[in-house]
Amino acid sequence: SDLSGMLHKFLASRPFGRTMLDNVLLITADQFRGDCLGCAGHCVAKTPNLDRLAADGIHFQQHYSPAAPCAPSRACIHTGLYTSKHRVVDSGVPLSAAITNWGLELAKHRDMQPAVIGYTDQAADPRQLSPEDDKLRRWDGGHLPGFHNL
């Protein structure tokens, strides 16, 4: 399923302006199975805070990742593209600056300011950096363009 495309479609169907619908919280967690949530019916896991968020929002119960490991999977989520299109095939592989993401699109078309807590796990496009840039010496490269760090 195309999470990014679904998010784009959901936001496009809403009227412009500042409403409660303009607040989007996307949580990606890749360290546990999708059914290990109380709201997913797990008999042992206790996740009351995530359960409350899911009850008041959208819980993608049949979402799957079209790629592994983390960086290619997150590139799929953030761009809405398959790995064969965005070419992030492993952690540390840069995402081309020519490819947009939902953060850039929200900033451009909805006048929103997307932010990230944690990381997006995407290496910066080296063609956009000076040879002295510290991002060239780190495997993760920081955050996707269009997101600011909280």
Protein backbone atom coordinates (compact mmCIF):
# COMPACT_ATOMS: atom_id res chain seq x y z
CA SER A 1 0.00 0.00 0.00
CA ASP A 2 1.19 3.49 -0.81
CA LEU A 3 1.17 5.39 2.49
CA SER A 4 2.59 8.56 1.01
CA GLY A 5 0.02 8.53 -1.80
CA MET A 6 -2.79 7.95 0.69
CA LEU A 7 -1.56 10.87 2.81
CA HIS A 8 -1.34 13.11 -0.28
CA LYS A 9 -4.88 12.12 -1.31
CA PHE A 10 -6.24 12.64 2.22
CA LEU A 11 -4.75 16.13 2.52
CA ALA A 12 -5.74 17.10 -1.02
CA SER A 13 -9.37 16.28 -0.21
CA ARG A 14 -9.42 18.76 2.69
CA PRO A 15 -10.15 22.48 2.30
CA PHE A 16 -7.25 24.89 2.51
CA GLY A 17 -6.85 26.86 5.70
CA ARG A 18 -5.78 26.21 9.24
CA THR A 19 -8.04 23.55 10.72
CA MET A 20 -7.53 20.53 12.94
CA LEU A 21 -7.06 18.54 9.74
CA ASP A 22 -3.86 20.46 9.13
CA ASN A 23 -2.19 18.68 12.04
CA VAL A 24 -0.57 15.47 10.82
CA LEU A 25 1.41 13.14 13.05
CA LEU A 26 3.04 10.27 11.20
CA ILE A 27 4.74 7.74 13.45
CA THR A 28 7.03 5.22 11.81
CA ALA A 29 8.40 2.51 14.04
CA ASP A 30 10.44 -0.28 12.52
CA GLN A 31 11.57 -2.11 15.62
CA PHE A 32 8.44 -4.16 16.22
CA ARG A 33 5.74 -5.96 14.30
CA GLY A 34 2.66 -4.00 13.29
CA ASP A 35 0.39 -6.25 15.34
CA CYS A 36 2.33 -5.56 18.57
CA LEU A 37 -0.04 -2.77 19.57
CA GLY A 38 -2.95 -2.90 21.96
CA CYS A 39 -5.17 -1.24 19.33
CA ALA A 40 -4.23 -4.04 16.92
CA GLY A 41 -5.55 -6.61 19.39
CA HIS A 42 -2.28 -7.87 20.83
CA CYS A 43 -3.01 -9.90 23.96
CA VAL A 44 0.16 -8.92 25.86
CA ALA A 45 1.46 -5.57 24.55
CA LYS A 46 0.20 -2.53 26.45
CA THR A 47 0.45 0.61 24.32
CA PRO A 48 -2.15 3.04 25.76
CA ASN A 49 -0.68 6.24 24.28
CA LEU A 50 -0.36 4.81 20.77
CA ASP A 51 -3.82 3.26 21.15
CA ARG A 52 -5.31 6.71 21.94
CA LEU A 53 -3.58 8.26 18.92
CA ALA A 54 -4.87 5.45 16.69
CA ALA A 55 -8.42 5.86 18.04
CA ASP A 56 -8.41 9.58 17.18
CA GLY A 57 -6.65 9.24 13.83
CA ILE A 58 -5.85 6.80 11.08
CA HIS A 59 -4.26 3.45 11.87
CA PHE A 60 -2.91 1.82 8.71
CA GLN A 61 -3.63 -1.79 9.63
CA GLN A 62 -2.68 -3.30 6.29
CA HIS A 63 0.33 -1.15 5.48
CA TYR A 64 3.44 -2.99 4.35
CA SER A 65 6.90 -1.90 3.42
CA PRO A 66 7.93 -2.37 -0.18
CA ALA A 67 11.60 -2.36 0.84
CA ALA A 68 14.10 -3.29 3.52
CA PRO A 69 16.18 -2.19 5.43
CA CYS A 70 15.15 1.08 7.12
CA ALA A 71 16.45 3.74 4.71
CA PRO A 72 14.89 2.28 1.54
CA SER A 73 11.62 1.65 3.39
CA ARG A 74 11.46 5.20 4.72
CA ALA A 75 12.34 6.59 1.29
CA CYS A 76 9.30 4.71 -0.06
CA ILE A 77 7.08 6.12 2.67
CA HIS A 78 8.30 9.71 2.32
CA THR A 79 8.35 9.85 -1.49
CA GLY A 80 5.53 7.48 -2.44
CA LEU A 81 7.89 5.75 -4.87
CA TYR A 82 9.21 2.21 -5.16
CA THR A 83 12.90 1.57 -4.57
CA SER A 84 13.44 1.13 -8.32
CA LYS A 85 12.32 4.77 -8.78
CA HIS A 86 13.98 6.56 -5.84
CA ARG A 87 17.11 4.33 -5.95
CA VAL A 88 17.76 4.29 -2.19
CA VAL A 89 18.69 0.63 -1.99
CA ASP A 90 20.53 0.55 1.34
CA SER A 91 21.22 2.68 4.41
CA GLY A 92 23.50 5.58 3.53
CA VAL A 93 22.52 5.64 -0.15
CA PRO A 94 21.55 9.24 -0.94
CA LEU A 95 18.12 10.28 -2.14
CA SER A 96 18.33 12.47 -5.24
CA ALA A 97 17.46 16.11 -4.59
CA ALA A 98 15.33 15.93 -7.76
CA ILE A 99 12.82 13.68 -5.94
CA THR A 100 10.18 15.37 -3.82
CA ASN A 101 8.73 14.13 -0.55
CA TRP A 102 5.54 14.77 1.38
CA GLY A 103 7.27 17.28 3.66
CA LEU A 104 8.31 19.45 0.72
CA GLU A 105 4.85 19.11 -0.81
CA LEU A 106 3.08 20.18 2.39
CA ALA A 107 5.39 23.16 2.75
CA LYS A 108 4.87 24.17 -0.88
CA HIS A 109 1.14 23.56 -1.34
CA ARG A 110 -0.34 23.82 2.16
CA ASP A 111 1.97 26.41 3.76
CA MET A 112 2.74 23.92 6.52
CA GLN A 113 6.03 23.47 8.35
CA PRO A 114 6.73 19.74 8.66
CA ALA A 115 9.06 18.74 11.46
CA VAL A 116 10.75 15.54 12.51
CA ILE A 117 11.65 14.17 15.91
CA GLY A 118 14.33 11.53 15.49
CA TYR A 119 15.53 11.01 11.95
CA THR A 120 14.34 10.24 8.44
CA ASP A 121 17.33 7.98 7.76
CA GLN A 122 18.12 9.54 4.38
CA ALA A 123 21.58 10.50 3.18
CA ALA A 124 21.89 13.91 1.53
CA ASP A 125 22.40 14.18 -2.21
CA PRO A 126 26.17 14.82 -2.49
CA ARG A 127 25.65 16.79 -5.71
CA GLN A 128 23.95 19.47 -3.60
CA LEU A 129 26.74 19.78 -1.01
CA SER A 130 30.11 21.48 -0.90
CA PRO A 131 33.13 19.15 -0.54
CA GLU A 132 33.63 20.42 3.05
CA ASP A 133 30.08 19.65 4.19
CA ASP A 134 29.97 17.42 7.29
CA LYS A 135 27.02 15.50 5.82
CA LEU A 136 29.45 13.83 3.42
CA ARG A 137 31.25 12.23 6.37
CA ARG A 138 28.13 10.87 8.09
CA TRP A 139 26.23 7.81 6.93
CA ASP A 140 22.75 9.20 7.62
CA GLY A 141 23.09 12.70 6.15
CA GLY A 142 20.48 14.14 8.50
CA HIS A 143 16.87 14.87 7.60
CA LEU A 144 15.01 14.99 4.33
CA PRO A 145 14.63 18.44 2.77
CA GLY A 146 11.32 20.00 3.75
CA PHE A 147 11.52 18.87 7.40
CA HIS A 148 13.07 20.79 10.24
CA ASN A 149 14.44 19.10 13.32
CA LEU A 150 12.68 19.54 16.66
